[in-house]
Amino acid sequence: MSKKELKYLKELPPVITIYRGMTEEELLSGQFGISWSLKKNVAIFFAETYSRNSSTHKLKKVIHKITINKSKVIAYFNGRKEFEIIYIK
């Protein structure tokens, strides 16, 4: 993380809401990927617009929202303006 990203993460409240665009199958499995976003619109983009993964392209997508303690965040990145939170359940 850059100094700017570290500062941003430090200034977040102790409890945060994060979002992930995923397949319905991923949601039902409870086995989530590690990339989340602080912004719902970013999760919507990955669920509805981003089609790079051909194996999930045609599967039904959902937006999943959870609230976590900031202390559980592994990293925060914003180089691509995705407000990305790395979190492992």
C-alpha atoms as a PDB file:
ATOM      1  CA  MET A   1       0.000   0.000   0.000  1.00  0.00           C
ATOM      2  CA  SER A   2       1.108   3.523  -0.700  1.00  0.00           C
ATOM      3  CA  LYS A   3       1.363   6.113   2.063  1.00  0.00           C
ATOM      4  CA  LYS A   4      -1.826   7.692   0.755  1.00  0.00           C
ATOM      5  CA  GLU A   5      -3.654   4.339   0.866  1.00  0.00           C
ATOM      6  CA  LEU A   6      -2.376   3.634   4.384  1.00  0.00           C
ATOM      7  CA  LYS A   7      -3.611   7.035   5.525  1.00  0.00           C
ATOM      8  CA  TYR A   8      -7.040   6.479   3.939  1.00  0.00           C
ATOM      9  CA  LEU A   9      -7.378   3.060   5.589  1.00  0.00           C
ATOM     10  CA  LYS A  10      -6.319   4.441   8.957  1.00  0.00           C
ATOM     11  CA  GLU A  11      -8.982   7.176   8.730  1.00  0.00           C
ATOM     12  CA  LEU A  12     -11.849   4.755   8.053  1.00  0.00           C
ATOM     13  CA  PRO A  13     -14.208   4.093  10.974  1.00  0.00           C
ATOM     14  CA  PRO A  14     -13.638   0.963  13.111  1.00  0.00           C
ATOM     15  CA  VAL A  15     -16.565  -0.818  11.418  1.00  0.00           C
ATOM     16  CA  ILE A  16     -16.976  -0.665   7.636  1.00  0.00           C
ATOM     17  CA  THR A  17     -19.351  -1.976   4.990  1.00  0.00           C
ATOM     18  CA  ILE A  18     -17.807  -3.683   1.980  1.00  0.00           C
ATOM     19  CA  TYR A  19     -19.321  -4.944  -1.274  1.00  0.00           C
ATOM     20  CA  ARG A  20     -18.486  -7.670  -3.752  1.00  0.00           C
ATOM     21  CA  GLY A  21     -19.948  -8.413  -7.158  1.00  0.00           C
ATOM     22  CA  MET A  22     -20.089 -12.193  -7.494  1.00  0.00           C
ATOM     23  CA  THR A  23     -21.932 -15.057  -9.026  1.00  0.00           C
ATOM     24  CA  GLU A  24     -24.977 -16.407  -7.269  1.00  0.00           C
ATOM     25  CA  GLU A  25     -23.050 -19.672  -7.038  1.00  0.00           C
ATOM     26  CA  GLU A  26     -20.236 -17.967  -5.087  1.00  0.00           C
ATOM     27  CA  LEU A  27     -22.753 -16.402  -2.709  1.00  0.00           C
ATOM     28  CA  LEU A  28     -24.462 -19.720  -2.015  1.00  0.00           C
ATOM     29  CA  SER A  29     -21.132 -21.471  -1.460  1.00  0.00           C
ATOM     30  CA  GLY A  30     -19.993 -18.982   1.168  1.00  0.00           C
ATOM     31  CA  GLN A  31     -16.480 -19.268  -0.275  1.00  0.00           C
ATOM     32  CA  PHE A  32     -15.795 -15.686  -1.295  1.00  0.00           C
ATOM     33  CA  GLY A  33     -12.906 -14.157  -3.176  1.00  0.00           C
ATOM     34  CA  ILE A  34     -10.664 -11.722  -1.337  1.00  0.00           C
ATOM     35  CA  SER A  35     -11.299  -8.534  -3.347  1.00  0.00           C
ATOM     36  CA  TRP A  36     -14.087  -6.306  -2.051  1.00  0.00           C
ATOM     37  CA  SER A  37     -14.880  -2.620  -2.450  1.00  0.00           C
ATOM     38  CA  LEU A  38     -15.947   0.183  -0.175  1.00  0.00           C
ATOM     39  CA  LYS A  39     -18.175   1.408  -3.028  1.00  0.00           C
ATOM     40  CA  LYS A  40     -21.341  -0.395  -4.089  1.00  0.00           C
ATOM     41  CA  ASN A  41     -21.100   1.036  -7.612  1.00  0.00           C
ATOM     42  CA  VAL A  42     -17.715  -0.689  -8.063  1.00  0.00           C
ATOM     43  CA  ALA A  43     -19.219  -4.043  -7.040  1.00  0.00           C
ATOM     44  CA  ILE A  44     -22.077  -3.448  -9.476  1.00  0.00           C
ATOM     45  CA  PHE A  45     -19.556  -2.804 -12.255  1.00  0.00           C
ATOM     46  CA  PHE A  46     -17.791  -6.111 -11.585  1.00  0.00           C
ATOM     47  CA  ALA A  47     -21.076  -7.998 -11.377  1.00  0.00           C
ATOM     48  CA  GLU A  48     -22.814  -6.480 -14.387  1.00  0.00           C
ATOM     49  CA  THR A  49     -20.223  -4.982 -16.733  1.00  0.00           C
ATOM     50  CA  TYR A  50     -16.850  -6.638 -16.217  1.00  0.00           C
ATOM     51  CA  SER A  51     -16.791  -9.745 -18.402  1.00  0.00           C
ATOM     52  CA  ARG A  52     -13.123 -10.729 -18.432  1.00  0.00           C
ATOM     53  CA  ASN A  53     -13.739 -14.083 -16.753  1.00  0.00           C
ATOM     54  CA  SER A  54     -15.275 -16.209 -19.495  1.00  0.00           C
ATOM     55  CA  SER A  55     -16.115 -19.068 -17.105  1.00  0.00           C
ATOM     56  CA  THR A  56     -18.547 -16.878 -15.127  1.00  0.00           C
ATOM     57  CA  HIS A  57     -19.687 -14.523 -17.892  1.00  0.00           C
ATOM     58  CA  LYS A  58     -23.117 -16.105 -18.359  1.00  0.00           C
ATOM     59  CA  LEU A  59     -23.832 -16.937 -14.713  1.00  0.00           C
ATOM     60  CA  LYS A  60     -26.302 -14.915 -12.639  1.00  0.00           C
ATOM     61  CA  LYS A  61     -24.526 -12.175 -10.644  1.00  0.00           C
ATOM     62  CA  VAL A  62     -25.383 -10.574  -7.316  1.00  0.00           C
ATOM     63  CA  ILE A  63     -24.013  -7.846  -5.078  1.00  0.00           C
ATOM     64  CA  HIS A  64     -23.111  -9.028  -1.605  1.00  0.00           C
ATOM     65  CA  LYS A  65     -22.689  -6.591   1.273  1.00  0.00           C
ATOM     66  CA  ILE A  66     -21.126  -7.299   4.649  1.00  0.00           C
ATOM     67  CA  THR A  67     -20.101  -5.232   7.629  1.00  0.00           C
ATOM     68  CA  ILE A  68     -16.713  -6.001   9.152  1.00  0.00           C
ATOM     69  CA  ASN A  69     -14.280  -4.683  11.702  1.00  0.00           C
ATOM     70  CA  LYS A  70     -11.604  -2.605   9.986  1.00  0.00           C
ATOM     71  CA  SER A  71      -9.012  -4.592  11.950  1.00  0.00           C
ATOM     72  CA  LYS A  72      -9.824  -7.582   9.689  1.00  0.00           C
ATOM     73  CA  VAL A  73      -8.766  -5.709   6.532  1.00  0.00           C
ATOM     74  CA  ILE A  74      -5.533  -7.050   5.067  1.00  0.00           C
ATOM     75  CA  ALA A  75      -4.958  -4.180   2.639  1.00  0.00           C
ATOM     76  CA  TYR A  76      -6.555  -1.250   0.845  1.00  0.00           C
ATOM     77  CA  PHE A  77      -5.717  -0.297  -2.749  1.00  0.00           C
ATOM     78  CA  ASN A  78      -7.075   2.508  -4.874  1.00  0.00           C
ATOM     79  CA  GLY A  79      -4.669   2.718  -7.803  1.00  0.00           C
ATOM     80  CA  ARG A  80      -7.497   1.869 -10.216  1.00  0.00           C
ATOM     81  CA  LYS A  81     -10.130   3.901  -8.320  1.00  0.00           C
ATOM     82  CA  GLU A  82     -11.845   0.711  -7.114  1.00  0.00           C
ATOM     83  CA  PHE A  83     -11.617   1.438  -3.355  1.00  0.00           C
ATOM     84  CA  GLU A  84     -10.444  -2.164  -3.049  1.00  0.00           C
ATOM     85  CA  ILE A  85     -10.421  -3.894   0.305  1.00  0.00           C
ATOM     86  CA  ILE A  86      -8.562  -7.176   0.662  1.00  0.00           C
ATOM     87  CA  TYR A  87     -10.485  -9.261   3.163  1.00  0.00           C
ATOM     88  CA  ILE A  88     -10.538 -12.982   3.893  1.00  0.00           C
ATOM     89  CA  LYS A  89     -13.605 -14.329   5.650  1.00  0.00           C
END
